[in-house]
Amino acid sequence: MLKIEQARLVTTHEIRECFGCAGGINKGETAVFITVMDQNIGIYLHQVCNVKIVNNKNALDSIYYGCLNDIEPTPQCQKKG
């Protein structure tokens, strides 16, 4: 499980990929940026995906790349970039 060090809202300056649904986050969109402890990595999430992860106890047990696609398809999964 990922241990979150810091989470904050950011405006993307380039196209990013959502860690939760693997869909694209367009330039200029507001997203959640999460810094992961002890791994020196940061991940981006759509705001909707962040809420789904927080509200879904199954997702909190094991967060991994594309985990929301296994729980339920999200609209962001279908649109890339």
PDB file of N, CA and C in Angstrom:
ATOM      1  N   MET A   1       0.840  -1.176   0.000  1.00  0.00           N
ATOM      2  CA  MET A   1       0.000   0.000   0.000  1.00  0.00           C
ATOM      3  C   MET A   1       0.887   1.242   0.000  1.00  0.00           C
ATOM      4  N   LEU A   2       0.478   2.248  -0.744  1.00  0.00           N
ATOM      5  CA  LEU A   2       1.217   3.497  -0.798  1.00  0.00           C
ATOM      6  C   LEU A   2       0.996   4.290   0.485  1.00  0.00           C
ATOM      7  N   LYS A   3       2.072   4.813   1.032  1.00  0.00           N
ATOM      8  CA  LYS A   3       1.968   5.659   2.219  1.00  0.00           C
ATOM      9  C   LYS A   3       2.077   7.109   1.759  1.00  0.00           C
ATOM     10  N   ILE A   4       1.020   7.853   1.992  1.00  0.00           N
ATOM     11  CA  ILE A   4       0.942   9.220   1.510  1.00  0.00           C
ATOM     12  C   ILE A   4       1.659  10.164   2.470  1.00  0.00           C
ATOM     13  N   GLU A   5       2.595  10.930   1.918  1.00  0.00           N
ATOM     14  CA  GLU A   5       3.306  11.929   2.696  1.00  0.00           C
ATOM     15  C   GLU A   5       2.571  13.266   2.630  1.00  0.00           C
ATOM     16  N   GLN A   6       2.120  13.635   1.422  1.00  0.00           N
ATOM     17  CA  GLN A   6       1.438  14.908   1.228  1.00  0.00           C
ATOM     18  C   GLN A   6       0.491  14.782   0.037  1.00  0.00           C
ATOM     19  N   ALA A   7      -0.656  15.414   0.121  1.00  0.00           N
ATOM     20  CA  ALA A   7      -1.599  15.480  -0.993  1.00  0.00           C
ATOM     21  C   ALA A   7      -2.063  16.923  -1.122  1.00  0.00           C
ATOM     22  N   ARG A   8      -2.085  17.416  -2.369  1.00  0.00           N
ATOM     23  CA  ARG A   8      -2.508  18.800  -2.574  1.00  0.00           C
ATOM     24  C   ARG A   8      -3.113  18.953  -3.958  1.00  0.00           C
ATOM     25  N   LEU A   9      -3.944  19.957  -4.101  1.00  0.00           N
ATOM     26  CA  LEU A   9      -4.539  20.269  -5.394  1.00  0.00           C
ATOM     27  C   LEU A   9      -3.547  21.092  -6.208  1.00  0.00           C
ATOM     28  N   VAL A  10      -3.388  20.734  -7.469  1.00  0.00           N
ATOM     29  CA  VAL A  10      -2.498  21.454  -8.373  1.00  0.00           C
ATOM     30  C   VAL A  10      -3.199  21.658  -9.712  1.00  0.00           C
ATOM     31  N   THR A  11      -2.727  22.622 -10.465  1.00  0.00           N
ATOM     32  CA  THR A  11      -3.166  22.808 -11.845  1.00  0.00           C
ATOM     33  C   THR A  11      -2.052  22.255 -12.716  1.00  0.00           C
ATOM     34  N   THR A  12      -2.380  21.315 -13.586  1.00  0.00           N
ATOM     35  CA  THR A  12      -1.350  20.669 -14.400  1.00  0.00           C
ATOM     36  C   THR A  12      -0.842  21.624 -15.476  1.00  0.00           C
ATOM     37  N   HIS A  13       0.445  21.579 -15.717  1.00  0.00           N
ATOM     38  CA  HIS A  13       1.080  22.414 -16.741  1.00  0.00           C
ATOM     39  C   HIS A  13       1.363  21.625 -18.014  1.00  0.00           C
ATOM     40  N   GLU A  14       1.133  20.340 -17.960  1.00  0.00           N
ATOM     41  CA  GLU A  14       1.257  19.468 -19.121  1.00  0.00           C
ATOM     42  C   GLU A  14       0.329  18.278 -18.928  1.00  0.00           C
ATOM     43  N   ILE A  15       0.135  17.496 -19.965  1.00  0.00           N
ATOM     44  CA  ILE A  15      -0.747  16.332 -19.867  1.00  0.00           C
ATOM     45  C   ILE A  15      -0.121  15.315 -18.918  1.00  0.00           C
ATOM     46  N   ARG A  16      -0.916  14.834 -17.985  1.00  0.00           N
ATOM     47  CA  ARG A  16      -0.482  13.835 -16.999  1.00  0.00           C
ATOM     48  C   ARG A  16      -1.384  12.619 -17.096  1.00  0.00           C
ATOM     49  N   GLU A  17      -0.998  11.552 -16.411  1.00  0.00           N
ATOM     50  CA  GLU A  17      -1.799  10.340 -16.397  1.00  0.00           C
ATOM     51  C   GLU A  17      -2.297  10.088 -14.977  1.00  0.00           C
ATOM     52  N   CYS A  18      -3.579   9.789 -14.855  1.00  0.00           N
ATOM     53  CA  CYS A  18      -4.181   9.519 -13.552  1.00  0.00           C
ATOM     54  C   CYS A  18      -3.751   8.130 -13.084  1.00  0.00           C
ATOM     55  N   PHE A  19      -3.208   8.054 -11.890  1.00  0.00           N
ATOM     56  CA  PHE A  19      -2.757   6.791 -11.325  1.00  0.00           C
ATOM     57  C   PHE A  19      -3.931   5.872 -11.002  1.00  0.00           C
ATOM     58  N   GLY A  20      -5.080   6.453 -10.690  1.00  0.00           N
ATOM     59  CA  GLY A  20      -6.242   5.662 -10.286  1.00  0.00           C
ATOM     60  C   GLY A  20      -6.959   4.993 -11.441  1.00  0.00           C
ATOM     61  N   CYS A  21      -7.184   5.744 -12.535  1.00  0.00           N
ATOM     62  CA  CYS A  21      -7.960   5.189 -13.655  1.00  0.00           C
ATOM     63  C   CYS A  21      -7.136   5.031 -14.918  1.00  0.00           C
ATOM     64  N   ALA A  22      -5.899   5.503 -14.922  1.00  0.00           N
ATOM     65  CA  ALA A  22      -4.987   5.442 -16.066  1.00  0.00           C
ATOM     66  C   ALA A  22      -5.445   6.320 -17.229  1.00  0.00           C
ATOM     67  N   GLY A  23      -6.402   7.207 -16.992  1.00  0.00           N
ATOM     68  CA  GLY A  23      -6.858   8.140 -18.014  1.00  0.00           C
ATOM     69  C   GLY A  23      -6.006   9.397 -18.020  1.00  0.00           C
ATOM     70  N   GLY A  24      -6.153  10.186 -19.058  1.00  0.00           N
ATOM     71  CA  GLY A  24      -5.379  11.409 -19.177  1.00  0.00           C
ATOM     72  C   GLY A  24      -5.947  12.557 -18.354  1.00  0.00           C
ATOM     73  N   ILE A  25      -5.049  13.377 -17.830  1.00  0.00           N
ATOM     74  CA  ILE A  25      -5.407  14.617 -17.158  1.00  0.00           C
ATOM     75  C   ILE A  25      -4.865  15.722 -18.048  1.00  0.00           C
ATOM     76  N   ASN A  26      -5.741  16.503 -18.618  1.00  0.00           N
ATOM     77  CA  ASN A  26      -5.344  17.521 -19.590  1.00  0.00           C
ATOM     78  C   ASN A  26      -4.628  18.691 -18.946  1.00  0.00           C
ATOM     79  N   LYS A  27      -3.830  19.375 -19.753  1.00  0.00           N
ATOM     80  CA  LYS A  27      -3.135  20.574 -19.324  1.00  0.00           C
ATOM     81  C   LYS A  27      -4.157  21.600 -18.844  1.00  0.00           C
ATOM     82  N   GLY A  28      -3.897  22.212 -17.688  1.00  0.00           N
ATOM     83  CA  GLY A  28      -4.779  23.231 -17.137  1.00  0.00           C
ATOM     84  C   GLY A  28      -5.865  22.707 -16.216  1.00  0.00           C
ATOM     85  N   GLU A  29      -6.014  21.385 -16.118  1.00  0.00           N
ATOM     86  CA  GLU A  29      -7.017  20.816 -15.213  1.00  0.00           C
ATOM     87  C   GLU A  29      -6.495  20.811 -13.790  1.00  0.00           C
ATOM     88  N   THR A  30      -7.415  20.878 -12.837  1.00  0.00           N
ATOM     89  CA  THR A  30      -7.052  20.736 -11.433  1.00  0.00           C
ATOM     90  C   THR A  30      -7.035  19.246 -11.100  1.00  0.00           C
ATOM     91  N   ALA A  31      -5.963  18.820 -10.469  1.00  0.00           N
ATOM     92  CA  ALA A  31      -5.789  17.412 -10.112  1.00  0.00           C
ATOM     93  C   ALA A  31      -5.228  17.328  -8.698  1.00  0.00           C
ATOM     94  N   VAL A  32      -5.252  16.134  -8.142  1.00  0.00           N
ATOM     95  CA  VAL A  32      -4.666  15.894  -6.827  1.00  0.00           C
ATOM     96  C   VAL A  32      -3.270  15.319  -7.054  1.00  0.00           C
ATOM     97  N   PHE A  33      -2.252  15.980  -6.488  1.00  0.00           N
ATOM     98  CA  PHE A  33      -0.880  15.491  -6.577  1.00  0.00           C
ATOM     99  C   PHE A  33      -0.509  14.892  -5.234  1.00  0.00           C
ATOM    100  N   ILE A  34      -0.060  13.651  -5.244  1.00  0.00           N
ATOM    101  CA  ILE A  34       0.265  12.932  -4.019  1.00  0.00           C
ATOM    102  C   ILE A  34       1.747  12.583  -4.013  1.00  0.00           C
ATOM    103  N   THR A  35       2.421  12.940  -2.929  1.00  0.00           N
ATOM    104  CA  THR A  35       3.806  12.555  -2.727  1.00  0.00           C
ATOM    105  C   THR A  35       3.815  11.290  -1.882  1.00  0.00           C
ATOM    106  N   VAL A  36       4.516  10.268  -2.358  1.00  0.00           N
ATOM    107  CA  VAL A  36       4.551   8.970  -1.688  1.00  0.00           C
ATOM    108  C   VAL A  36       5.802   8.892  -0.814  1.00  0.00           C
ATOM    109  N   MET A  37       5.606   8.491   0.441  1.00  0.00           N
ATOM    110  CA  MET A  37       6.715   8.390   1.398  1.00  0.00           C
ATOM    111  C   MET A  37       7.719   7.319   0.988  1.00  0.00           C
ATOM    112  N   ASP A  38       8.986   7.582   1.249  1.00  0.00           N
ATOM    113  CA  ASP A  38      10.077   6.621   1.099  1.00  0.00           C
ATOM    114  C   ASP A  38      10.286   6.123  -0.324  1.00  0.00           C
ATOM    115  N   GLN A  39       9.616   6.698  -1.322  1.00  0.00           N
ATOM    116  CA  GLN A  39       9.807   6.224  -2.682  1.00  0.00           C
ATOM    117  C   GLN A  39      10.204   7.342  -3.639  1.00  0.00           C
ATOM    118  N   ASN A  40      10.216   8.578  -3.169  1.00  0.00           N
ATOM    119  CA  ASN A  40      10.568   9.730  -3.991  1.00  0.00           C
ATOM    120  C   ASN A  40       9.793   9.778  -5.297  1.00  0.00           C
ATOM    121  N   ILE A  41       8.504   9.493  -5.239  1.00  0.00           N
ATOM    122  CA  ILE A  41       7.660   9.595  -6.427  1.00  0.00           C
ATOM    123  C   ILE A  41       6.431  10.422  -6.109  1.00  0.00           C
ATOM    124  N   GLY A  42       5.846  10.965  -7.140  1.00  0.00           N
ATOM    125  CA  GLY A  42       4.596  11.685  -7.021  1.00  0.00           C
ATOM    126  C   GLY A  42       3.619  11.127  -8.037  1.00  0.00           C
ATOM    127  N   ILE A  43       2.370  11.072  -7.667  1.00  0.00           N
ATOM    128  CA  ILE A  43       1.346  10.571  -8.577  1.00  0.00           C
ATOM    129  C   ILE A  43       0.227  11.596  -8.686  1.00  0.00           C
ATOM    130  N   TYR A  44      -0.457  11.576  -9.813  1.00  0.00           N
ATOM    131  CA  TYR A  44      -1.586  12.470 -10.055  1.00  0.00           C
ATOM    132  C   TYR A  44      -2.870  11.662 -10.079  1.00  0.00           C
ATOM    133  N   LEU A  45      -3.943  12.270  -9.585  1.00  0.00           N
ATOM    134  CA  LEU A  45      -5.274  11.676  -9.629  1.00  0.00           C
ATOM    135  C   LEU A  45      -6.276  12.730 -10.083  1.00  0.00           C
ATOM    136  N   HIS A  46      -7.263  12.317 -10.898  1.00  0.00           N
ATOM    137  CA  HIS A  46      -8.406  13.191 -11.131  1.00  0.00           C
ATOM    138  C   HIS A  46      -9.046  13.442  -9.770  1.00  0.00           C
ATOM    139  N   GLN A  47      -9.691  14.560  -9.599  1.00  0.00           N
ATOM    140  CA  GLN A  47     -10.368  14.834  -8.331  1.00  0.00           C
ATOM    141  C   GLN A  47     -11.453  13.790  -8.070  1.00  0.00           C
ATOM    142  N   VAL A  48     -12.167  13.389  -9.110  1.00  0.00           N
ATOM    143  CA  VAL A  48     -13.217  12.372  -8.980  1.00  0.00           C
ATOM    144  C   VAL A  48     -12.608  11.035  -8.548  1.00  0.00           C
ATOM    145  N   CYS A  49     -11.486  10.676  -9.132  1.00  0.00           N
ATOM    146  CA  CYS A  49     -10.828   9.405  -8.780  1.00  0.00           C
ATOM    147  C   CYS A  49     -10.345   9.436  -7.336  1.00  0.00           C
ATOM    148  N   ASN A  50      -9.833  10.579  -6.888  1.00  0.00           N
ATOM    149  CA  ASN A  50      -9.394  10.712  -5.508  1.00  0.00           C
ATOM    150  C   ASN A  50     -10.566  10.476  -4.549  1.00  0.00           C
ATOM    151  N   VAL A  51     -11.719  11.053  -4.849  1.00  0.00           N
ATOM    152  CA  VAL A  51     -12.903  10.875  -3.998  1.00  0.00           C
ATOM    153  C   VAL A  51     -13.328   9.406  -3.990  1.00  0.00           C
ATOM    154  N   LYS A  52     -13.307   8.757  -5.160  1.00  0.00           N
ATOM    155  CA  LYS A  52     -13.695   7.346  -5.229  1.00  0.00           C
ATOM    156  C   LYS A  52     -12.755   6.467  -4.408  1.00  0.00           C
ATOM    157  N   ILE A  53     -11.466   6.757  -4.454  1.00  0.00           N
ATOM    158  CA  ILE A  53     -10.504   5.975  -3.669  1.00  0.00           C
ATOM    159  C   ILE A  53     -10.732   6.190  -2.178  1.00  0.00           C
ATOM    160  N   VAL A  54     -10.933   7.428  -1.783  1.00  0.00           N
ATOM    161  CA  VAL A  54     -11.152   7.734  -0.368  1.00  0.00           C
ATOM    162  C   VAL A  54     -12.443   7.090   0.141  1.00  0.00           C
ATOM    163  N   ASN A  55     -13.486   7.077  -0.681  1.00  0.00           N
ATOM    164  CA  ASN A  55     -14.780   6.546  -0.255  1.00  0.00           C
ATOM    165  C   ASN A  55     -14.907   5.031  -0.410  1.00  0.00           C
ATOM    166  N   ASN A  56     -13.971   4.382  -1.083  1.00  0.00           N
ATOM    167  CA  ASN A  56     -14.064   2.954  -1.328  1.00  0.00           C
ATOM    168  C   ASN A  56     -13.040   2.213  -0.465  1.00  0.00           C
ATOM    169  N   LYS A  57     -13.514   1.488   0.523  1.00  0.00           N
ATOM    170  CA  LYS A  57     -12.615   0.799   1.441  1.00  0.00           C
ATOM    171  C   LYS A  57     -11.746  -0.245   0.732  1.00  0.00           C
ATOM    172  N   ASN A  58     -12.267  -0.888  -0.315  1.00  0.00           N
ATOM    173  CA  ASN A  58     -11.469  -1.860  -1.061  1.00  0.00           C
ATOM    174  C   ASN A  58     -10.286  -1.193  -1.745  1.00  0.00           C
ATOM    175  N   ALA A  59     -10.482   0.004  -2.277  1.00  0.00           N
ATOM    176  CA  ALA A  59      -9.403   0.716  -2.955  1.00  0.00           C
ATOM    177  C   ALA A  59      -8.334   1.151  -1.967  1.00  0.00           C
ATOM    178  N   LEU A  60      -8.737   1.500  -0.749  1.00  0.00           N
ATOM    179  CA  LEU A  60      -7.763   1.949   0.242  1.00  0.00           C
ATOM    180  C   LEU A  60      -6.829   0.832   0.681  1.00  0.00           C
ATOM    181  N   ASP A  61      -7.286  -0.416   0.608  1.00  0.00           N
ATOM    182  CA  ASP A  61      -6.440  -1.537   1.021  1.00  0.00           C
ATOM    183  C   ASP A  61      -5.250  -1.724   0.101  1.00  0.00           C
ATOM    184  N   SER A  62      -5.446  -1.516  -1.189  1.00  0.00           N
ATOM    185  CA  SER A  62      -4.330  -1.666  -2.125  1.00  0.00           C
ATOM    186  C   SER A  62      -4.523  -0.729  -3.306  1.00  0.00           C
ATOM    187  N   ILE A  63      -3.813   0.374  -3.248  1.00  0.00           N
ATOM    188  CA  ILE A  63      -3.852   1.337  -4.344  1.00  0.00           C
ATOM    189  C   ILE A  63      -2.723   0.962  -5.302  1.00  0.00           C
ATOM    190  N   TYR A  64      -3.076   0.769  -6.560  1.00  0.00           N
ATOM    191  CA  TYR A  64      -2.081   0.459  -7.584  1.00  0.00           C
ATOM    192  C   TYR A  64      -2.506   1.116  -8.882  1.00  0.00           C
ATOM    193  N   TYR A  65      -1.625   1.152  -9.845  1.00  0.00           N
ATOM    194  CA  TYR A  65      -1.896   1.829 -11.112  1.00  0.00           C
ATOM    195  C   TYR A  65      -3.126   1.219 -11.781  1.00  0.00           C
ATOM    196  N   GLY A  66      -4.123   2.043 -12.042  1.00  0.00           N
ATOM    197  CA  GLY A  66      -5.340   1.591 -12.708  1.00  0.00           C
ATOM    198  C   GLY A  66      -6.321   0.870 -11.813  1.00  0.00           C
ATOM    199  N   CYS A  67      -6.179   0.992 -10.495  1.00  0.00           N
ATOM    200  CA  CYS A  67      -7.011   0.230  -9.560  1.00  0.00           C
ATOM    201  C   CYS A  67      -8.501   0.532  -9.694  1.00  0.00           C
ATOM    202  N   LEU A  68      -8.856   1.757 -10.068  1.00  0.00           N
ATOM    203  CA  LEU A  68     -10.272   2.082 -10.183  1.00  0.00           C
ATOM    204  C   LEU A  68     -10.937   1.354 -11.341  1.00  0.00           C
ATOM    205  N   ASN A  69     -10.183   0.969 -12.353  1.00  0.00           N
ATOM    206  CA  ASN A  69     -10.760   0.213 -13.465  1.00  0.00           C
ATOM    207  C   ASN A  69     -11.214  -1.166 -13.007  1.00  0.00           C
ATOM    208  N   ASP A  70     -10.585  -1.706 -11.992  1.00  0.00           N
ATOM    209  CA  ASP A  70     -10.974  -3.010 -11.462  1.00  0.00           C
ATOM    210  C   ASP A  70     -12.207  -2.900 -10.558  1.00  0.00           C
ATOM    211  N   ILE A  71     -12.411  -1.733  -9.979  1.00  0.00           N
ATOM    212  CA  ILE A  71     -13.570  -1.525  -9.102  1.00  0.00           C
ATOM    213  C   ILE A  71     -14.799  -1.207  -9.941  1.00  0.00           C
ATOM    214  N   GLU A  72     -14.692  -0.173 -10.772  1.00  0.00           N
ATOM    215  CA  GLU A  72     -15.773   0.203 -11.694  1.00  0.00           C
ATOM    216  C   GLU A  72     -15.187   1.129 -12.755  1.00  0.00           C
ATOM    217  N   PRO A  73     -15.603   0.993 -13.997  1.00  0.00           N
ATOM    218  CA  PRO A  73     -15.089   1.886 -15.045  1.00  0.00           C
ATOM    219  C   PRO A  73     -15.482   3.335 -14.768  1.00  0.00           C
ATOM    220  N   THR A  74     -14.558   4.250 -14.985  1.00  0.00           N
ATOM    221  CA  THR A  74     -14.837   5.668 -14.797  1.00  0.00           C
ATOM    222  C   THR A  74     -14.813   6.357 -16.156  1.00  0.00           C
ATOM    223  N   PRO A  75     -15.488   7.484 -16.298  1.00  0.00           N
ATOM    224  CA  PRO A  75     -15.505   8.189 -17.588  1.00  0.00           C
ATOM    225  C   PRO A  75     -14.107   8.561 -18.073  1.00  0.00           C
ATOM    226  N   GLN A  76     -13.187   8.837 -17.158  1.00  0.00           N
ATOM    227  CA  GLN A  76     -11.837   9.231 -17.547  1.00  0.00           C
ATOM    228  C   GLN A  76     -11.086   8.079 -18.205  1.00  0.00           C
ATOM    229  N   CYS A  77     -11.483   6.824 -17.922  1.00  0.00           N
ATOM    230  CA  CYS A  77     -10.789   5.668 -18.499  1.00  0.00           C
ATOM    231  C   CYS A  77     -10.954   5.636 -20.007  1.00  0.00           C
ATOM    232  N   GLN A  78     -12.094   6.074 -20.496  1.00  0.00           N
ATOM    233  CA  GLN A  78     -12.373   5.992 -21.906  1.00  0.00           C
ATOM    234  C   GLN A  78     -11.713   7.100 -22.706  1.00  0.00           C
ATOM    235  N   LYS A  79     -11.466   8.257 -22.105  1.00  0.00           N
ATOM    236  CA  LYS A  79     -10.850   9.344 -22.859  1.00  0.00           C
ATOM    237  C   LYS A  79      -9.371   9.458 -22.505  1.00  0.00           C
ATOM    238  N   LYS A  80      -8.537   9.286 -23.460  1.00  0.00           N
ATOM    239  CA  LYS A  80      -7.090   9.378 -23.261  1.00  0.00           C
ATOM    240  C   LYS A  80      -6.614  10.746 -23.749  1.00  0.00           C
ATOM    241  N   GLY A  81      -5.722  11.346 -22.919  1.00  0.00           N
ATOM    242  CA  GLY A  81      -5.098  12.606 -23.315  1.00  0.00           C
ATOM    243  C   GLY A  81      -6.060  13.672 -23.394  1.00  0.00           C
TER     244      GLY A  81
END
